[in-house]
Structures are given as structure tokens and as C-alpha cells.
Amino acid sequence: MNTIDNKTIPSFVSHVTKTLQDKEFEAYLVGGCVRDMLLGKTPKDWDITTNAHPDQIQAAFPDLKTVYENNFGTVTIVNMPKNAEDREVTDFASASSVESTQVTTYRSEGNYADHRRPDSVTYETSLEKDLERRDFTINALAYNPLNGQIIDLYKGQNDIKDKIVRCVLDADTRFEEDALRMMRAIRFSTTLNFAIATETFTAISAKSALLEKISHERIRDEFTKIILSDSPAAGIALLQKTGLLHIIAPEFEAGIGCDQKGAHIYDVYDHLLHALQHAADKGFSLDVRLAALFHDIGKPATRRYDRSKDKYTFFGHEVVGARITKKVLERLKFSRETIDLVTNLVRNHMFFSDTEQITLSAVRRIIQKVSPEHIWQLMEVRECDRVGMKKVEAPYRLRKYHAMIEEALRDPISVSQLAIDGTYLMNTLHVKPGPRMGWLLHALLEEVLENPSLNTVEQLHERVLDLNELEDKDLKTLGEKGKEQKESANEAEIGELRKKHKVK
């Protein structure tokens, strides 16, 4: 385990601790930043604890902007002049990227009637009382930059050395105080690659139902951190073993023991965990990791046994899975953007299957469904699905997919990419705004999807003149359904593209 080098502490943070100490107050770095420095990591947040009260903290920094808008004794010291209205910062910015640090008065806490926040806070005069209230031993560490002293009342340094997540004092009490700490224990286990102490794990299992008291937003934030860790599959497994997953997303538990037969060697639940872990191993985005975790969540509800072939079928599981995905993500209060994208990826993850049967026009349509911006994320989900079956992605097949996508991306895949638009139809061809305009544009798009060479102003102009003669019902049919025609493309360009990817 590393020692702490004061040179690694940002100059602004050092200025804050030194200023308080110069005013004859105690001031220690505390919590996660001390833990991370001992682990040789760069802390994301720098927290300071002191015996100074909030008004005294603010008075110690008359020239800096300070914010005190809570009931917990926490003052935020901002790295900018007190009356600055722009982003002008102090001289400390030249040596530090830290924009602010939080300074909190030593405190003890009253009862937690709602299992979320203390009913009351009492300012204390000793650091010992403040450390006593903290969640885990690895976070109950304080460091004095002035003399290099580490205050470690609960053997947190030993637990860091042994890679253990352990509650301060009684685990049951810690989780009854704030039930979210149960998820935090698992999050630290996955992000730090630490084991959870037996008594702490037992307490989580016993108190898991208390998580229902926690807001969905707070649960989402911890769940997201677990998913973004290096070991998210282990995190989900711990959530399930402790009973927390049943509170967060019980839909996943239907996959436990749901055998798939055929090419799958895992049940649905384990397959999803392997797919998720592959996404983490490859450093894929949160959206892809979520889609990998959810992509087959609809299988238990759609499983049917085919006696003649001695196998299970899961027809429509991607449709059912998309509905379940949307329901879970909405319940956890994810952003609309995340919900829409992840649901879309789950809904369309079955598209890439047989390269010999997929047509280029079909590839264009799947790009239209998920957008050019996200088509490669769909490919990443498909890769996670494949590797989650313990199958190596076939090099030829993968190159074939990539070649077809790159080829399709050269062509228009949405109305907005047509050579003419609604304004052209109104101003040049005098088409009135309304349903017919939409049908016309989509009818044009369908034809261009089949033959990209038609996407010129001249040719689309002439085609609109013909289409505009049709009755509403006929034009609507063309606009909504289009015509499926055999793909024809420039053989020279296709040949060069396929040569690039070494596919036929």
C-alpha cells in the first residue's frame, strides 16, 4: 500500500486546509480521497473535515466564493473570487484543476427514521466522533497534510491492504441509518475489486428490504456506478445474492434457471451477466452495457418448448424485452435519451444473424431505425450477445457486417438526407403541407433506399410529379410501406469496400 505524498494534493485543496489551520482550527482530508491516495489513485473529490462551524469556515475565506445551502454543516469553497461573475479563477487554478472542495464541520447524527437521512445533526468538537458516523472503515480515514498524520480508528488501512469492504462498528446499524449504503458496499466492491466482509454481507442480506425506502434516483446513481465499474457482472451477482436486485429490478430473476438449450451453454441470467462483462472488458459505453444486460430479458416470458426438435424457442423476445427494458429504466428514472436508445438497441439486437440472407436494403433500414450515430453501438451489443454465449465472434462474419454497414452509410437513410425536402416541395412543386407531403417524402426515401443513385434533385423532382398524381390511398401505401426491390448498387464501389474488409 502506498503512503501519501503531499505533492499529489492539489494546491487549492492544500490552501484550504492550511488556511483553516492558520486560523487555529483543525482540518483534515477525510474519506474517499484519503482511501484513494493510499491506493495510489487520483481522487475525484476532495473532502475536508474540521472543528470550525459553517460561519467560521466562510469567515476564514473572505476573498473566495463560498456556498452553504444545507443542514449538514457542509460549506463548498469555490476556486474563484468572492464576487466573480464569470469563470475567472484564483491563482491556484494554474496549479490545480480542482474547482471546489467541500468542508464539513465535525458532526454526529441522530436517528434515521426514514432510513435515508438523519433526523438531526449535532456539531462535535472531536474528529473521533465524526469518524464514528461514517459508513465503511476504508472511508473512515483522516489525513493531516501539515504533519503527515493518518487518523485510523477502525483499521481502515488494514482493510485497504486486505481489500475488504467492512462497516464501521455495527453493520446492521449502518444500513438501518441509510439503506443506500448496502448498494455502496457492492459498488466499492466492484470498483475497487475488494471483497465484502462476512458480517457486512450478512447484514446486507438481512436488511435488503430497507432499500425500498430509498428514492429511485439514488438507486439509479449507485446502479450506474456498478454498471460502469470494471466488474459489473460480479456487482449484479452480489445484488442478486443479497436480495437487492429483487428490489431494484426483479425482472432479471426470471432468467435464473431459465435454460436455453441449443447454442447457449448458460441460462438466460448468466448469459446476460457474461454479455455485460464483455461490454465492460471492451470499455463500451453505459448505453451499450445496459443494452447488453437487458438484451435477452424478454426470453423467460417468451420461452416455448419445441418437442419435435427438443429445443426452446423465444419468438418475439426482443419485442417483449424492449418493453421490459423501458419499464425498468423508467422506474429507475434514467434520462429519456438513455431509455430510448437502450430500448431501441434491445428491440433491434436480433437483426444481425445470417450474412448470407441480409440484404443491403435491410441494413439501410436497420440504420434508419437506430440512426447512423448508434448503428455501431448495435454492433457492439451484438458482439456482447455472441461472446456472452462463450462463442468467439467469427472474423469473417464480423467483417461482413462492418462492410455492409459502411456501404449502407454512404447512402441516404432518412428523409432529411434526401436531395429535396418539404420546403422544396412547397416552393417549387407547390405541394401543400399535410399528410400527402409526408407520404411523398417517405415514398421517395423507400425508392432511394433501394437505389441510392436516384437521390438527385432532378430525378426526385420528376418522381414527385408522377407520385403526386396518385390517389391518397395509393400514395399512402407507397409512403408507409414502400416497395421491396432487389438491391442494385455500383459494383465498383461495392467491390472496393468489400476488398477493404476482405469479404465477398
Foldseek 3Di string as FASTA:
>chain_A
DDAADPVLDQPVLVVLQVLCVVVVKHKWWFFPCRLQRRVVHRDPATEMEIQDALVRSCVSCVQFDWDDDDQQRKIKTFQDGNPDPDPHGDPSVVRDVDGIHIYGAQWAFAAQPLLAAGPHIDGDRDLVRSLQLDFWQSRSWIADPVVGDIDRPPPNVVCSVQQETETRDQLLRSCSNHVCVLLVSLLCCQQVVGYYDPRNLVSLLVCLVSCLSPALQSVLVSLLSLLLHLQNLVSVVSCVVSVNCCVQQVLLVLQVVQDFPDLAPDTPNLLLSQLLNVCSVVNHDSLLSLLSNQLQSQQSVQWDADVVVRGIDRPPSLVSSLVSQLVSCVRSPDDPVSNVLSSLLSNCLPVQDDLVPDALLNLLQNCLSNPPVCPVSSVSSNCSSQCSRVHHPDLQSSLSNVLSNVVSVVADNDLVPAQDHPVCCCPPVVDDDDPLRQLLSQLVNLVCSQPVVCRHPVNSVVVSVVLVVDDPVVSNCSNPPNDDDHHDDDPVVSVVSCVVSVHD
